[in-house]
Structures are given as structure tokens and as C-alpha cells.
Protein backbone atom coordinates (compact mmCIF):
# COMPACT_ATOMS: atom_id res chain seq x y z
CA MET A 1 32.75 115.96 94.76
CA ARG A 2 31.59 113.42 97.35
CA PHE A 3 32.23 112.97 101.07
CA HIS A 4 35.02 110.53 101.89
CA PHE A 5 35.07 108.91 105.34
CA MET A 6 38.39 107.54 106.59
CA ASP A 7 38.60 104.73 109.15
CA TRP A 8 38.64 105.49 112.88
CA THR A 9 42.16 105.69 114.34
CA GLY A 10 43.53 106.08 117.85
CA ASN A 11 43.23 104.18 121.12
CA GLY A 12 41.42 104.29 124.43
CA LYS A 13 44.12 106.38 126.07
CA ILE A 14 44.36 109.27 123.62
CA GLY A 15 40.92 108.91 122.06
CA PHE A 16 39.66 108.11 118.60
CA ARG A 17 39.19 110.28 115.55
CA ARG A 18 38.05 109.92 111.99
CA LEU A 19 38.98 112.21 109.15
CA VAL A 20 36.14 113.18 106.80
CA LEU A 21 36.94 114.94 103.54
CA ALA A 22 34.10 117.24 102.51
CA PRO A 23 33.67 118.20 98.88
CA SER A 24 34.54 121.78 98.01
CA ASN A 25 34.72 123.75 94.80
CA TRP A 26 36.01 127.20 93.82
CA LEU A 27 33.74 128.80 91.22
CA ASP A 28 33.23 132.09 89.44
CA PRO A 29 30.63 134.22 91.28
CA SER A 30 28.32 134.06 88.26
CA ASP A 31 28.30 130.22 88.26
CA PRO A 32 25.34 128.44 89.86
CA VAL A 33 25.70 127.09 93.40
CA PRO A 34 26.80 123.42 93.21
CA VAL A 35 24.63 120.73 94.76
CA CYS A 36 25.52 117.40 96.35
CA PRO A 37 25.39 114.69 93.68
CA ASP A 38 24.02 112.20 96.22
CA CYS A 39 21.27 114.09 98.09
CA GLY A 40 20.78 117.26 96.03
CA LYS A 41 21.36 119.72 98.91
CA PRO A 42 23.02 122.96 97.76
CA PHE A 43 26.57 123.53 98.99
CA ARG A 44 27.10 126.43 101.42
CA LYS A 45 29.32 129.41 100.68
CA ALA A 46 32.50 129.02 102.75
CA GLN A 47 34.65 131.86 101.44
CA GLU A 48 34.27 134.62 98.90
CA LEU A 49 37.02 136.46 97.06
CA PRO A 50 36.55 139.14 94.39
CA ASP A 51 36.92 136.63 91.52
CA ASN A 52 36.00 133.29 93.15
CA VAL A 53 33.61 131.73 95.62
CA CYS A 54 34.37 128.56 97.58
CA TYR A 55 31.41 126.26 98.20
CA VAL A 56 31.52 123.34 100.62
CA GLY A 57 29.24 120.33 101.01
CA ASP A 58 27.02 120.84 104.08
CA CYS A 59 25.19 117.51 104.34
CA LEU A 60 27.63 115.40 106.34
CA GLU A 61 24.97 113.86 108.59
CA VAL A 62 23.06 112.47 105.63
CA HIS A 63 26.10 110.66 104.22
CA ASP A 64 27.76 109.45 107.46
CA PRO A 65 27.70 105.63 107.19
CA GLU A 66 27.42 105.34 110.98
CA GLN A 67 24.16 107.31 111.03
CA ALA A 68 22.45 104.43 109.19
CA MET A 69 23.37 101.99 111.96
């Protein structure tokens, strides 16, 4: 349930990209909204179905290791 930052890949001709895996969780609608274990920010609702709700971490900027540089 934490953000995972991959290394940058690519080259100067095609450009560079970095894959970031954001935490997500499907829960019952009656369950409490999950929060980020690192900063405490509540996850945002990404998708809602009749029996489940998908929540996604919405605090990428806080955890991006390049933002601290």
C-alpha cells in the first residue's frame, strides 16, 4: 500500500519515462476510507461499483524522491 517509483528509462531521442505504481484498494462501501501509511492523507475514490469501491493513493508529490532534491 505504498508508492513504488521505478528507475527512469529511455534516451534523448525518444524521451524518458518513469513508471510509478500508486497504491489502490478495493473495499466494501461500508469500510472506512484508507489513508496513506506514510503521510496520512486519505485515498481518493477512483471507481465505485454496487458492492465495491476502489480507492487510490493521491499524494504522489509528497512521496516523489526527486521532489526532495
